Structures are given as C-alpha cells and as structure tokens.
Amino acid sequence: MATNDPNAPTPQDGAPSPGAPADHTPIIPARTDTTPEPASEPASRVSEPASGSPLPPNPAPAAPEDVAARPASAEDRPAPPPPPPAPPRKAPRGRKSVKSKPVDPKKRPSRSARHPAVVIGSGVFTFLLFLAVGGGLAAWYGQMKYSAPGPLTAEKTVLIPRGSGGRDIAEILEREGVVDNWALFVASQQITRRGEVLKAGEYVFPPHVSIAEVLDQMVAGKVVQHQVTIPEGLTSLQVVDRLMANDLLSGTPRMPQEGTLLPETYNVVRGMRRDELIARMTADQQKVVKELWEKRAPDLPLKSPQDMVILASIVEKETGKPEERPRVAAVFINRLNRKMRLQSDPTIIYGIVGGKGTLGRPISKTDITTATPYNTYAIDGLPPGPIANPGREALAAVANPAKSKDLYFVADGTGGHVFAETLDQHNRNVARWREIEADARQRASQGGNGTAPGTGTGTAPATPAQRAPASAN
C-alpha cells in the first residue's frame, strides 16, 4: 500500500517500493520519451460506440499511476515527419525528357470532337483532299507532257512489227527516241482508250512530235506506203518469184493458179505478208473479170469468164502495145468464129516450159509440130487454161474487141504488128518481115545492134499465119 509520506524516499526506477510484497509485479514507470508506439496495439485505442447506441458516461479520470502505466495512444503521439521528396526521374538515354504542361480547359477539344467517327471522318477527308490535290497535279503534268514537243531532233522512220502490244510499242518508241518515257506513253494509251487500235507498220515521225501526235498517227494507220508493180503477162510462178525477191514483204505464199492475178501497181507496207498481197491481187482480178464479162460484146465465141481470161492471156503475150490489143483480140475472135486454129506462138512456149515463161531460144519446126495441151498449132479452140496473168486492158480488149475482118498479123519491125484480112496480104507482110530479120542479122554480124526489130516488147514476133498459112488449117 502506498504511503503518503512526503519524506519517504522515492524508489529508484526498477526497484520495488518498501513494504511491497516481494512477488508483486513492479509498476512500469511512464515513458518519458516521445517515440511513438506502433499504431497496431489494441490497448492504446478506445473503440467507438456503434452508430445509434447511447454514449456511455465519461469514465472517471485515471489515477496518475494508471496514466503513467498506460502506453500513449495514437492520438497522443506526434505526427511522423513527411517522407523525403523522390529524386527526379531521368529520361532514358537517347530520349529527351518531356515536361507536361497543364491543359487549358478552354483549349481542350469537346467530347463530340473526340468521337471515333469524327476522328475517322477527319482522316478520310484529309486523305481524299491529299489524293485530289496529288491527282490534279499528276493530271496537269500528264497533260503537259502529252501535248509537249517530243525529244526527236530529226525525222525518224520506225517499224512497229505486227502483233506488238501497247507496252511493246511504247518501248520501241522510247528506244528509237520518239518519246521520253515508255510508261507515260502507256498511260496516255489507257487514258485515251486508244491502246487497242494502234496499227503496226512503218512510220515516219517528224522532229519534236508529241505523244498526242504519235497516237493520232498510229490510230489512223498513217504508215509509209511502198509500191510493188506486177507487170502484165507474167506467169504465176514469175509473180511469186518477184514477191519473194522483195524484202518489204514477209512470209512464203502458196502458188496461185495461172491467170488468177491482176497485174497492177499495189501499195504495200513494210512487213506485209505475201499471201495477203496475192489475196488482194486475186480479189481485184475477180472483180475486174466480173465487171467486164457483164459488159462484153454480144455474140462472142466465149462460153464463160474463164474463156475470156484464157484468150486475154494469149493477147497479152502477143503484143505489148495497148492500142493494138483490141485489134489482136479481134483476129483471134474472128478465127474462133471461123473454126480456125489460133496458131499463137506463145502457146507453143507455154506448152514446153510451163510457168517458167521463156524458152530461151527461137521456136523450131519441131516445137511447132509437137503436140501439147497448150499448142494452138496442134489443138482446136482455146487451150485448157491461161498461159499468163493478163492485165485489165487485155481483158477489156477480149470483152469488146475491135470491129474488123482481120485474120492475120505479123511483126512490122518497130515493136508493133501489121494486120491482114486475106492470106495474100499476109504473105506479103511476112516477106517484108523476113527481110527485116535478115537485115537485123547482117547488122548484128557487123557489130551493130543484134536485136531483131519487133522483139523489144518481149513478145514473140511470130503470128498465126507466119508459122503456118491459113490454108494449113
């Protein structure tokens, strides 16, 4: 029991009070330090009454000893010092530190402006705007290059082969220096929709020709035109040989039938196929024969257009003078009407050599008497087919021969012929011709011109009655 004697000695810390029992738990002195106790001790907290329950009466003040013995509560402890500030974070190497700035509420975009649909629409609009501007610039540049003068400084001939595509043509033009860029030429074809109508062939482009002018020229097919002339009176074999020797043309043609080609001057382009040209010559011949047969003179001893072609081929080989052809045709028509043999020397030659065309020597008596399907000295009427390809004038001469009673003709020594209605007249003409031949041989032996008169046209100077008199028929 504690004494109230003020003179009593104060016990030392940790020493028992005098008179206290030895087994009594010593009183824990009050802590004088200000070190806060952990906030987790339940003895230092007073539970608060539940909500709605009456507050208990204030407890009696604790005795000094109790206060000294009770640990300090959380409310009695001083507040802990604030933690030291965190060190500033350093930006990773290679990056710059970015200081955030406060956003002005007035400048913050509205919620509707941040909607995904608005953001996507804005991006699409920006892309379309960029596309429109870029497309406009590209269109302006393309139009400028389309009409601008090209790089050619001199006239240029360019061959576009058959079967070339749009890109093939563009690459050829760039390689030849006609255009600057093949891709721009291809784009021009596609934009103008003219790539599929460009024609192959040989073109001559002027200096500084533009892409637009090149396309115009190639769409119109304004290619270089070359001329191929087929003389009258050639056989089909001779015509094909001529075409094969012409390097403007290509391909190997089939051999056409004799007399089916129209000799003429034809416009061709480089690289044209020979079969194509022969087909054109055949079509032209059929057209001419049809027209002339429909306008033929009445009472001709000809049964078909083919008969007209056969006789026209003989007329063609007999004379090279256009003005003589109607009269030569009249001689043969008159002989056919009288059932006389035609006795044409060119038919003898064709019967021997066929389509080769020339005999290479004078006609002999053996040749005259040798029977062939074409030898009109040995057969009656017309041969089985043409002996050459007659021209338009020879065909017209047979369809409408001259009005005459001539039955004979012989060379006159000037490239033409002398005609006769009777055998006596003809024999005198033949005698005169033989004198001309003898004189020509004499001059040839003396070193003069060795060409016999009347043979300069390439036709045989002989005539129906020269080789055999009419009385032999």
Protein backbone atom coordinates (compact mmCIF):
# COMPACT_ATOMS: atom_id res chain seq x y z
CA MET A 1 0.00 0.00 0.00
CA ALA A 2 1.44 3.31 -0.96
CA THR A 3 2.31 5.84 1.69
CA ASN A 4 1.53 9.43 1.55
CA ASP A 5 4.60 10.43 3.46
CA PRO A 6 6.29 13.15 1.59
CA ASN A 7 9.55 12.39 3.28
CA ALA A 8 9.60 8.87 2.18
CA PRO A 9 12.41 8.06 -0.14
CA THR A 10 11.49 7.81 -3.80
CA PRO A 11 12.17 4.40 -5.15
CA GLN A 12 14.57 4.08 -7.97
CA ASP A 13 13.47 3.05 -11.33
CA GLY A 14 13.00 -0.63 -11.40
CA ALA A 15 13.30 -1.01 -7.54
CA PRO A 16 10.37 -2.29 -5.52
CA SER A 17 8.61 0.00 -3.16
CA PRO A 18 9.35 -0.50 0.51
CA GLY A 19 6.85 -2.65 2.15
CA ALA A 20 5.57 -4.10 -1.10
CA PRO A 21 5.31 -7.75 -1.30
CA ALA A 22 8.21 -9.46 -2.97
CA ASP A 23 6.08 -11.19 -5.56
CA HIS A 24 4.17 -8.10 -6.59
CA THR A 25 4.67 -7.05 -10.21
CA PRO A 26 6.63 -3.84 -10.30
CA ILE A 27 4.90 -0.80 -11.60
CA ILE A 28 6.01 0.19 -15.09
CA PRO A 29 7.05 3.77 -14.99
CA ALA A 30 5.60 6.18 -17.51
CA ARG A 31 7.64 6.60 -20.64
CA THR A 32 9.21 9.93 -20.96
CA ASP A 33 10.45 9.52 -24.49
CA THR A 34 8.37 10.73 -27.36
CA THR A 35 8.95 7.72 -29.56
CA PRO A 36 5.54 6.77 -30.96
CA GLU A 37 4.28 3.33 -30.35
CA PRO A 38 3.11 1.24 -33.15
CA ALA A 39 -0.43 2.06 -34.15
CA SER A 40 -1.35 -1.58 -34.11
CA GLU A 41 -1.51 -2.03 -30.26
CA PRO A 42 -5.12 -2.56 -29.26
CA ALA A 43 -4.55 -1.30 -25.71
CA SER A 44 -3.96 2.25 -26.83
CA ARG A 45 -7.22 2.56 -28.75
CA VAL A 46 -10.69 3.13 -27.43
CA SER A 47 -13.37 1.58 -29.52
CA GLU A 48 -16.05 3.95 -30.63
CA PRO A 49 -19.62 3.11 -29.92
CA ALA A 50 -21.66 1.78 -32.72
CA SER A 51 -23.83 4.18 -34.58
CA GLY A 52 -27.11 4.74 -32.86
CA SER A 53 -26.08 3.35 -29.45
CA PRO A 54 -26.15 5.70 -26.40
CA LEU A 55 -22.88 7.16 -25.43
CA PRO A 56 -21.53 5.74 -22.12
CA PRO A 57 -20.81 8.13 -19.30
CA ASN A 58 -17.40 9.59 -19.16
CA PRO A 59 -15.18 7.34 -17.15
CA ALA A 60 -13.53 8.58 -14.06
CA PRO A 61 -10.15 10.16 -14.54
CA ALA A 62 -7.42 7.68 -14.25
CA ALA A 63 -5.04 7.73 -11.39
CA PRO A 64 -1.60 9.13 -12.01
CA GLU A 65 -0.17 5.72 -11.63
CA ASP A 66 -2.55 4.39 -14.26
CA VAL A 67 -1.64 7.17 -16.65
CA ALA A 68 1.97 6.52 -16.14
CA ALA A 69 1.50 2.83 -16.65
CA ARG A 70 -0.73 3.09 -19.77
CA PRO A 71 1.10 3.46 -23.10
CA ALA A 72 0.45 6.54 -25.17
CA SER A 73 -2.40 6.29 -27.68
CA ALA A 74 -2.19 7.17 -31.39
CA GLU A 75 -3.89 10.49 -30.73
CA ASP A 76 -1.24 11.38 -28.17
CA ARG A 77 1.68 10.60 -30.49
CA PRO A 78 3.23 13.38 -32.55
CA ALA A 79 2.70 13.23 -36.36
CA PRO A 80 5.50 11.46 -38.22
CA PRO A 81 7.79 13.62 -40.28
CA PRO A 82 6.91 13.82 -44.04
CA PRO A 83 8.86 11.44 -46.32
CA PRO A 84 11.75 12.92 -48.23
CA PRO A 85 10.91 14.01 -51.81
CA ALA A 86 11.51 11.37 -54.51
CA PRO A 87 14.51 12.01 -56.71
CA PRO A 88 13.64 13.30 -60.21
CA ARG A 89 13.34 10.59 -62.88
CA LYS A 90 15.86 10.72 -65.64
CA ALA A 91 14.72 10.20 -69.23
CA PRO A 92 16.12 7.07 -70.91
CA ARG A 93 19.27 7.57 -72.88
CA GLY A 94 18.54 8.81 -76.36
CA ARG A 95 15.26 10.46 -75.41
CA LYS A 96 14.56 13.95 -74.26
CA SER A 97 12.58 14.50 -71.15
CA VAL A 98 9.18 15.91 -71.86
CA LYS A 99 7.69 18.27 -69.34
CA SER A 100 3.96 18.05 -69.19
CA LYS A 101 2.13 21.29 -69.42
CA PRO A 102 -1.22 21.91 -67.90
CA VAL A 103 -4.02 21.84 -70.45
CA ASP A 104 -6.11 24.92 -70.67
CA PRO A 105 -9.73 23.82 -70.19
CA LYS A 106 -10.81 26.34 -72.80
CA LYS A 107 -8.49 24.74 -75.37
CA ARG A 108 -9.45 21.13 -74.62
CA PRO A 109 -11.45 19.63 -77.60
CA SER A 110 -15.06 18.93 -76.95
CA ARG A 111 -16.31 15.43 -76.33
CA SER A 112 -18.04 15.33 -79.76
CA ALA A 113 -14.78 16.27 -81.48
CA ARG A 114 -13.09 13.31 -79.81
CA HIS A 115 -15.74 10.83 -81.06
CA PRO A 116 -14.17 7.96 -83.12
CA ALA A 117 -16.46 8.62 -86.09
CA VAL A 118 -15.34 12.24 -86.19
CA VAL A 119 -11.69 11.26 -85.97
CA ILE A 120 -12.02 8.65 -88.75
CA GLY A 121 -14.02 11.01 -90.93
CA SER A 122 -11.43 13.72 -90.49
CA GLY A 123 -8.68 11.30 -91.53
CA VAL A 124 -10.62 10.15 -94.58
CA PHE A 125 -11.31 13.73 -95.61
CA THR A 126 -7.62 14.61 -95.25
CA PHE A 127 -6.63 11.59 -97.34
CA LEU A 128 -9.16 12.41 -100.05
CA LEU A 129 -8.04 16.01 -100.10
CA PHE A 130 -4.41 14.91 -100.46
CA LEU A 131 -5.44 12.46 -103.16
CA ALA A 132 -7.37 15.11 -105.06
CA VAL A 133 -4.51 17.57 -104.93
CA GLY A 134 -1.99 14.91 -105.95
CA GLY A 135 -4.24 13.67 -108.73
CA GLY A 136 -4.72 17.17 -110.01
CA LEU A 137 -1.00 17.77 -110.10
CA ALA A 138 -0.44 14.43 -111.84
CA ALA A 139 -3.15 15.20 -114.38
CA TRP A 140 -1.67 18.62 -115.06
CA TYR A 141 1.80 17.14 -115.52
CA GLY A 142 0.48 14.34 -117.76
CA GLN A 143 -1.48 16.77 -119.93
CA MET A 144 1.56 18.98 -120.26
CA LYS A 145 3.77 16.04 -121.32
CA TYR A 146 1.01 14.67 -123.57
CA SER A 147 0.99 17.77 -125.75
CA ALA A 148 4.58 18.92 -125.26
CA PRO A 149 7.14 18.59 -128.08
CA GLY A 150 8.99 15.28 -128.03
CA PRO A 151 12.73 14.59 -127.95
CA LEU A 152 13.20 13.91 -131.68
CA THR A 153 15.56 16.35 -133.34
CA ALA A 154 15.28 14.91 -136.87
CA GLU A 155 12.85 12.87 -138.93
CA LYS A 156 12.79 9.24 -137.83
CA THR A 157 11.49 6.07 -139.51
CA VAL A 158 10.28 3.45 -137.04
CA LEU A 159 8.98 -0.04 -137.81
CA ILE A 160 6.30 -1.43 -135.48
CA PRO A 161 6.09 -5.22 -136.04
CA ARG A 162 2.76 -6.97 -136.32
CA GLY A 163 1.44 -8.36 -133.07
CA SER A 164 3.11 -5.70 -130.92
CA GLY A 165 1.25 -4.84 -127.74
CA GLY A 166 0.83 -1.42 -126.19
CA ARG A 167 3.89 -1.75 -123.98
CA ASP A 168 5.95 -3.23 -126.82
CA ILE A 169 5.11 -0.22 -128.98
CA ALA A 170 5.94 2.19 -126.15
CA GLU A 171 9.33 0.56 -125.54
CA ILE A 172 10.16 0.67 -129.25
CA LEU A 173 9.29 4.37 -129.41
CA GLU A 174 11.43 5.11 -126.35
CA ARG A 175 14.34 3.11 -127.76
CA GLU A 176 14.11 4.98 -131.06
CA GLY A 177 14.00 8.34 -129.26
CA VAL A 178 10.45 9.27 -130.27
CA VAL A 179 9.18 9.56 -126.66
CA ASP A 180 10.94 10.27 -123.37
CA ASN A 181 9.26 7.65 -121.20
CA TRP A 182 7.50 4.49 -122.29
CA ALA A 183 5.39 4.39 -119.09
CA LEU A 184 3.94 7.83 -119.84
CA PHE A 185 3.09 6.66 -123.37
CA VAL A 186 1.32 3.56 -121.98
CA ALA A 187 -0.61 5.75 -119.53
CA SER A 188 -1.64 8.02 -122.41
CA GLN A 189 -2.92 4.97 -124.31
CA GLN A 190 -5.01 3.85 -121.35
CA ILE A 191 -6.40 7.27 -120.51
CA THR A 192 -7.40 7.98 -124.11
CA ARG A 193 -8.53 4.35 -124.62
CA ARG A 194 -6.59 4.08 -127.85
CA GLY A 195 -4.08 1.38 -126.97
CA GLU A 196 -6.02 -1.40 -128.72
CA VAL A 197 -6.40 0.46 -132.03
CA LEU A 198 -2.75 1.26 -132.69
CA LYS A 199 -1.74 -0.16 -136.06
CA ALA A 200 1.54 -1.84 -136.87
CA GLY A 201 3.65 -0.72 -139.79
CA GLU A 202 6.42 1.61 -140.83
CA TYR A 203 6.02 5.19 -139.59
CA VAL A 204 7.91 8.37 -140.33
CA PHE A 205 7.76 10.74 -137.34
CA PRO A 206 8.69 14.42 -137.79
CA PRO A 207 11.02 16.24 -135.39
CA HIS A 208 9.64 17.11 -131.93
CA VAL A 209 6.49 15.04 -132.46
CA SER A 210 4.37 14.92 -129.28
CA ILE A 211 2.76 11.88 -127.70
CA ALA A 212 -0.65 13.11 -128.84
CA GLU A 213 0.55 13.36 -132.45
CA VAL A 214 2.16 9.92 -132.29
CA LEU A 215 -1.11 8.38 -131.08
CA ASP A 216 -3.09 10.21 -133.78
CA GLN A 217 -0.76 8.93 -136.49
CA MET A 218 -0.77 5.34 -135.24
CA VAL A 219 -4.53 5.18 -134.71
CA ALA A 220 -5.10 6.45 -138.26
CA GLY A 221 -2.51 3.98 -139.57
CA LYS A 222 -0.59 6.64 -141.49
CA VAL A 223 2.24 4.28 -142.36
CA VAL A 224 4.82 4.56 -145.12
CA GLN A 225 3.38 3.30 -148.39
CA HIS A 226 5.64 1.37 -150.75
CA GLN A 227 4.72 0.35 -154.28
CA VAL A 228 5.05 -3.11 -155.77
CA THR A 229 4.47 -3.34 -159.52
CA ILE A 230 3.48 -6.61 -161.18
CA PRO A 231 3.85 -6.33 -164.99
CA GLU A 232 1.20 -7.73 -167.30
CA GLY A 233 1.85 -11.09 -168.91
CA LEU A 234 3.85 -12.73 -166.12
CA THR A 235 3.03 -16.27 -165.12
CA SER A 236 2.00 -17.01 -161.53
CA LEU A 237 5.39 -18.59 -160.92
CA GLN A 238 7.12 -15.42 -162.12
CA VAL A 239 4.87 -13.27 -159.92
CA VAL A 240 5.70 -15.30 -156.82
CA ASP A 241 9.41 -15.11 -157.65
CA ARG A 242 9.14 -11.32 -157.81
CA LEU A 243 7.36 -11.15 -154.49
CA MET A 244 9.89 -13.42 -152.83
CA ALA A 245 12.69 -11.16 -154.04
CA ASN A 246 11.06 -8.10 -152.45
CA ASP A 247 12.37 -7.63 -148.90
CA LEU A 248 9.49 -5.32 -148.00
CA LEU A 249 7.23 -8.36 -147.79
CA SER A 250 7.20 -11.34 -145.46
CA GLY A 251 6.09 -14.96 -145.49
CA THR A 252 6.03 -17.66 -148.15
CA PRO A 253 2.85 -17.69 -150.25
CA ARG A 254 1.06 -20.57 -151.86
CA MET A 255 1.32 -20.83 -155.61
CA PRO A 256 -1.81 -19.25 -157.13
CA GLN A 257 -3.49 -20.71 -160.18
CA GLU A 258 -2.45 -19.35 -163.55
CA GLY A 259 -4.40 -16.34 -164.74
CA THR A 260 -5.99 -15.55 -161.35
CA LEU A 261 -3.88 -12.48 -160.52
CA LEU A 262 -4.44 -8.94 -161.70
CA PRO A 263 -1.15 -7.28 -162.72
CA GLU A 264 -1.12 -3.81 -161.23
CA THR A 265 0.86 -1.44 -159.04
CA TYR A 266 -0.03 -2.11 -155.41
CA ASN A 267 0.61 -0.03 -152.32
CA VAL A 268 2.11 -2.13 -149.56
CA VAL A 269 3.54 -1.52 -146.13
CA ARG A 270 6.77 -2.93 -144.83
CA GLY A 271 6.25 -6.35 -143.30
CA MET A 272 3.09 -7.10 -145.27
CA ARG A 273 2.62 -10.81 -145.88
CA ARG A 274 2.95 -12.04 -149.44
CA ASP A 275 -0.15 -14.19 -149.07
CA GLU A 276 -2.06 -11.04 -148.21
CA LEU A 277 -0.88 -9.25 -151.35
CA ILE A 278 -1.70 -12.27 -153.54
CA ALA A 279 -5.16 -12.41 -151.99
CA ARG A 280 -5.66 -8.75 -152.89
CA MET A 281 -4.48 -9.37 -156.46
CA THR A 282 -6.87 -12.32 -156.76
CA ALA A 283 -9.81 -10.34 -155.41
CA ASP A 284 -9.08 -7.45 -157.78
CA GLN A 285 -8.87 -9.82 -160.76
CA GLN A 286 -12.20 -11.42 -159.93
CA LYS A 287 -13.83 -8.02 -159.62
CA VAL A 288 -12.48 -6.81 -162.97
CA VAL A 289 -13.41 -10.04 -164.77
CA LYS A 290 -16.95 -9.87 -163.39
CA GLU A 291 -17.43 -6.26 -164.48
CA LEU A 292 -16.02 -6.82 -167.99
CA TRP A 293 -17.92 -10.05 -168.55
CA GLU A 294 -21.19 -8.30 -167.74
CA LYS A 295 -20.32 -5.58 -170.30
CA ARG A 296 -18.95 -7.88 -173.01
CA ALA A 297 -19.93 -7.56 -176.64
CA PRO A 298 -22.75 -9.81 -177.86
CA ASP A 299 -22.19 -12.97 -179.90
CA LEU A 300 -18.67 -13.63 -178.65
CA PRO A 301 -17.48 -17.23 -179.18
CA LEU A 302 -16.70 -17.45 -175.46
CA LYS A 303 -18.70 -19.62 -173.08
CA SER A 304 -17.55 -18.32 -169.69
CA PRO A 305 -15.48 -15.68 -167.92
CA GLN A 306 -12.70 -18.27 -167.80
CA ASP A 307 -12.65 -18.40 -171.61
CA MET A 308 -12.29 -14.63 -171.62
CA VAL A 309 -9.29 -14.87 -169.27
CA ILE A 310 -7.65 -17.62 -171.38
CA LEU A 311 -7.91 -15.63 -174.61
CA ALA A 312 -6.84 -12.41 -172.84
CA SER A 313 -3.66 -14.18 -171.64
CA ILE A 314 -2.81 -15.04 -175.27
CA VAL A 315 -3.47 -11.46 -176.37
CA GLU A 316 -1.29 -10.21 -173.53
CA LYS A 317 1.65 -12.35 -174.66
CA GLU A 318 1.27 -11.44 -178.35
CA THR A 319 1.60 -7.66 -178.02
CA GLY A 320 2.89 -5.13 -175.54
CA LYS A 321 1.19 -2.15 -177.17
CA PRO A 322 -2.10 -1.22 -175.50
CA GLU A 323 -3.53 0.30 -178.70
CA GLU A 324 -3.03 -2.98 -180.57
CA ARG A 325 -4.76 -5.25 -178.09
CA PRO A 326 -8.35 -4.75 -179.31
CA ARG A 327 -7.26 -5.49 -182.90
CA VAL A 328 -5.19 -8.57 -181.91
CA ALA A 329 -8.20 -9.79 -179.88
CA ALA A 330 -10.39 -9.30 -182.96
CA VAL A 331 -8.09 -11.55 -185.04
CA PHE A 332 -8.49 -14.42 -182.55
CA ILE A 333 -12.24 -13.85 -182.16
CA ASN A 334 -12.64 -13.93 -185.96
CA ARG A 335 -10.61 -17.15 -186.20
CA LEU A 336 -12.67 -18.78 -183.45
CA ASN A 337 -15.86 -17.81 -185.26
CA ARG A 338 -14.49 -19.41 -188.45
CA LYS A 339 -13.32 -22.55 -186.57
CA MET A 340 -9.70 -21.76 -187.46
CA ARG A 341 -6.87 -22.72 -185.14
CA LEU A 342 -5.39 -19.81 -183.23
CA GLN A 343 -1.75 -20.68 -184.17
CA SER A 344 -0.23 -18.49 -181.42
CA ASP A 345 3.49 -18.89 -180.78
CA PRO A 346 3.25 -18.06 -177.02
CA THR A 347 1.05 -21.15 -176.58
CA ILE A 348 3.86 -23.28 -178.04
CA ILE A 349 6.32 -21.90 -175.49
CA TYR A 350 3.97 -22.37 -172.52
CA GLY A 351 3.28 -25.94 -173.56
CA ILE A 352 7.02 -26.64 -173.41
CA VAL A 353 8.25 -24.72 -170.34
CA GLY A 354 5.03 -24.11 -168.43
CA GLY A 355 5.11 -21.32 -165.87
CA LYS A 356 8.82 -20.63 -166.36
CA GLY A 357 7.73 -18.23 -169.09
CA THR A 358 10.61 -18.16 -171.56
CA LEU A 359 12.04 -20.75 -173.90
CA GLY A 360 15.49 -19.20 -174.11
CA ARG A 361 15.84 -19.91 -177.85
CA PRO A 362 13.90 -19.43 -181.09
CA ILE A 363 10.92 -21.68 -181.78
CA SER A 364 11.85 -24.58 -184.03
CA LYS A 365 9.77 -26.51 -186.54
CA THR A 366 9.83 -29.43 -184.12
CA ASP A 367 8.31 -27.23 -181.43
CA ILE A 368 5.52 -26.25 -183.81
CA THR A 369 4.58 -29.81 -184.60
CA THR A 370 4.99 -31.16 -181.06
CA ALA A 371 1.52 -31.63 -179.63
CA THR A 372 0.93 -30.28 -176.12
CA PRO A 373 -2.35 -29.36 -174.42
CA TYR A 374 -1.46 -25.68 -174.97
CA ASN A 375 -0.05 -25.75 -178.52
CA THR A 376 -2.72 -23.97 -180.57
CA TYR A 377 -0.97 -25.10 -183.77
CA ALA A 378 -1.96 -28.63 -182.78
CA ILE A 379 -5.32 -28.18 -180.99
CA ASP A 380 -8.61 -26.61 -181.92
CA GLY A 381 -10.06 -23.73 -179.99
CA LEU A 382 -8.72 -22.43 -176.73
CA PRO A 383 -6.07 -24.15 -174.56
CA PRO A 384 -7.23 -25.66 -171.24
CA GLY A 385 -6.13 -22.67 -169.19
CA PRO A 386 -4.45 -19.27 -169.25
CA ILE A 387 -0.79 -19.06 -170.23
CA ALA A 388 -0.16 -15.91 -168.12
CA ASN A 389 -1.87 -13.32 -165.96
CA PRO A 390 -3.49 -10.80 -168.32
CA GLY A 391 -3.90 -7.16 -167.40
CA ARG A 392 -7.02 -5.06 -167.33
CA GLU A 393 -6.56 -3.77 -170.90
CA ALA A 394 -6.12 -7.23 -172.39
CA LEU A 395 -9.26 -8.42 -170.61
CA ALA A 396 -11.20 -5.39 -171.83
CA ALA A 397 -9.90 -5.96 -175.39
CA VAL A 398 -11.26 -9.52 -175.45
CA ALA A 399 -14.59 -8.49 -173.88
CA ASN A 400 -15.00 -5.78 -176.53
CA PRO A 401 -12.68 -6.48 -179.49
CA ALA A 402 -12.19 -4.13 -182.43
CA LYS A 403 -14.63 -4.32 -185.34
CA SER A 404 -12.53 -5.82 -188.10
CA LYS A 405 -12.24 -8.74 -190.50
CA ASP A 406 -8.54 -9.32 -189.81
CA LEU A 407 -7.40 -12.92 -189.66
CA TYR A 408 -3.60 -12.44 -189.63
CA PHE A 409 -0.89 -10.22 -188.16
CA VAL A 410 2.90 -10.21 -188.23
CA ALA A 411 5.61 -8.05 -186.64
CA ASP A 412 6.44 -4.85 -188.50
CA GLY A 413 9.95 -4.36 -187.09
CA THR A 414 9.03 -1.42 -184.83
CA GLY A 415 7.54 -3.34 -181.93
CA GLY A 416 4.08 -3.35 -183.49
CA HIS A 417 2.25 -5.53 -185.96
CA VAL A 418 0.86 -5.44 -189.49
CA PHE A 419 -2.65 -6.87 -189.92
CA ALA A 420 -4.25 -8.53 -192.92
CA GLU A 421 -7.69 -9.81 -193.88
CA THR A 422 -6.52 -12.17 -196.59
CA LEU A 423 -3.78 -14.71 -196.95
CA ASP A 424 -2.20 -12.86 -199.89
CA GLN A 425 -1.87 -9.67 -197.88
CA HIS A 426 -0.45 -11.59 -195.01
CA ASN A 427 2.14 -13.41 -197.13
CA ARG A 428 3.43 -10.08 -198.43
CA ASN A 429 3.66 -8.83 -194.85
CA VAL A 430 5.55 -11.97 -193.85
CA ALA A 431 8.01 -11.50 -196.73
CA ARG A 432 8.63 -7.96 -195.61
CA TRP A 433 9.19 -9.15 -192.05
CA ARG A 434 11.72 -11.73 -193.19
CA GLU A 435 13.68 -9.02 -194.98
CA ILE A 436 13.73 -7.04 -191.75
CA GLU A 437 15.00 -10.09 -189.87
CA ALA A 438 17.77 -10.71 -192.44
CA ASP A 439 18.87 -7.10 -192.29
CA ALA A 440 18.99 -7.28 -188.49
CA ARG A 441 21.15 -10.41 -188.59
CA GLN A 442 23.54 -8.76 -191.07
CA ARG A 443 23.94 -5.70 -188.88
CA ALA A 444 24.47 -7.92 -185.87
CA SER A 445 27.30 -9.76 -187.67
CA GLN A 446 28.94 -6.41 -188.43
CA GLY A 447 28.89 -5.39 -184.76
CA GLY A 448 25.72 -3.38 -184.85
CA ASN A 449 22.56 -3.85 -182.88
CA GLY A 450 21.92 -7.56 -182.75
CA THR A 451 18.34 -7.27 -181.55
CA ALA A 452 15.82 -8.08 -184.22
CA PRO A 453 13.18 -5.41 -184.74
CA GLY A 454 9.83 -6.23 -183.31
CA THR A 455 11.18 -8.21 -180.36
CA GLY A 456 11.78 -5.29 -178.00
CA THR A 457 8.43 -5.75 -176.27
CA GLY A 458 9.29 -9.26 -175.17
CA THR A 459 6.53 -10.84 -177.22
CA ALA A 460 7.15 -13.29 -179.99
CA PRO A 461 7.20 -11.63 -183.41
CA ALA A 462 5.50 -14.62 -184.95
CA THR A 463 1.78 -14.53 -185.74
CA PRO A 464 -0.84 -17.16 -186.50
CA ALA A 465 -0.14 -17.16 -190.24
CA GLN A 466 3.60 -16.55 -190.04
CA ARG A 467 4.35 -20.06 -188.93
CA ALA A 468 1.66 -21.80 -190.98
CA PRO A 469 -0.51 -20.38 -193.74
CA ALA A 470 -4.23 -20.29 -193.24
CA SER A 471 -4.59 -22.98 -195.86
CA ALA A 472 -2.95 -25.41 -193.40
CA ASN A 473 -5.97 -25.31 -191.11
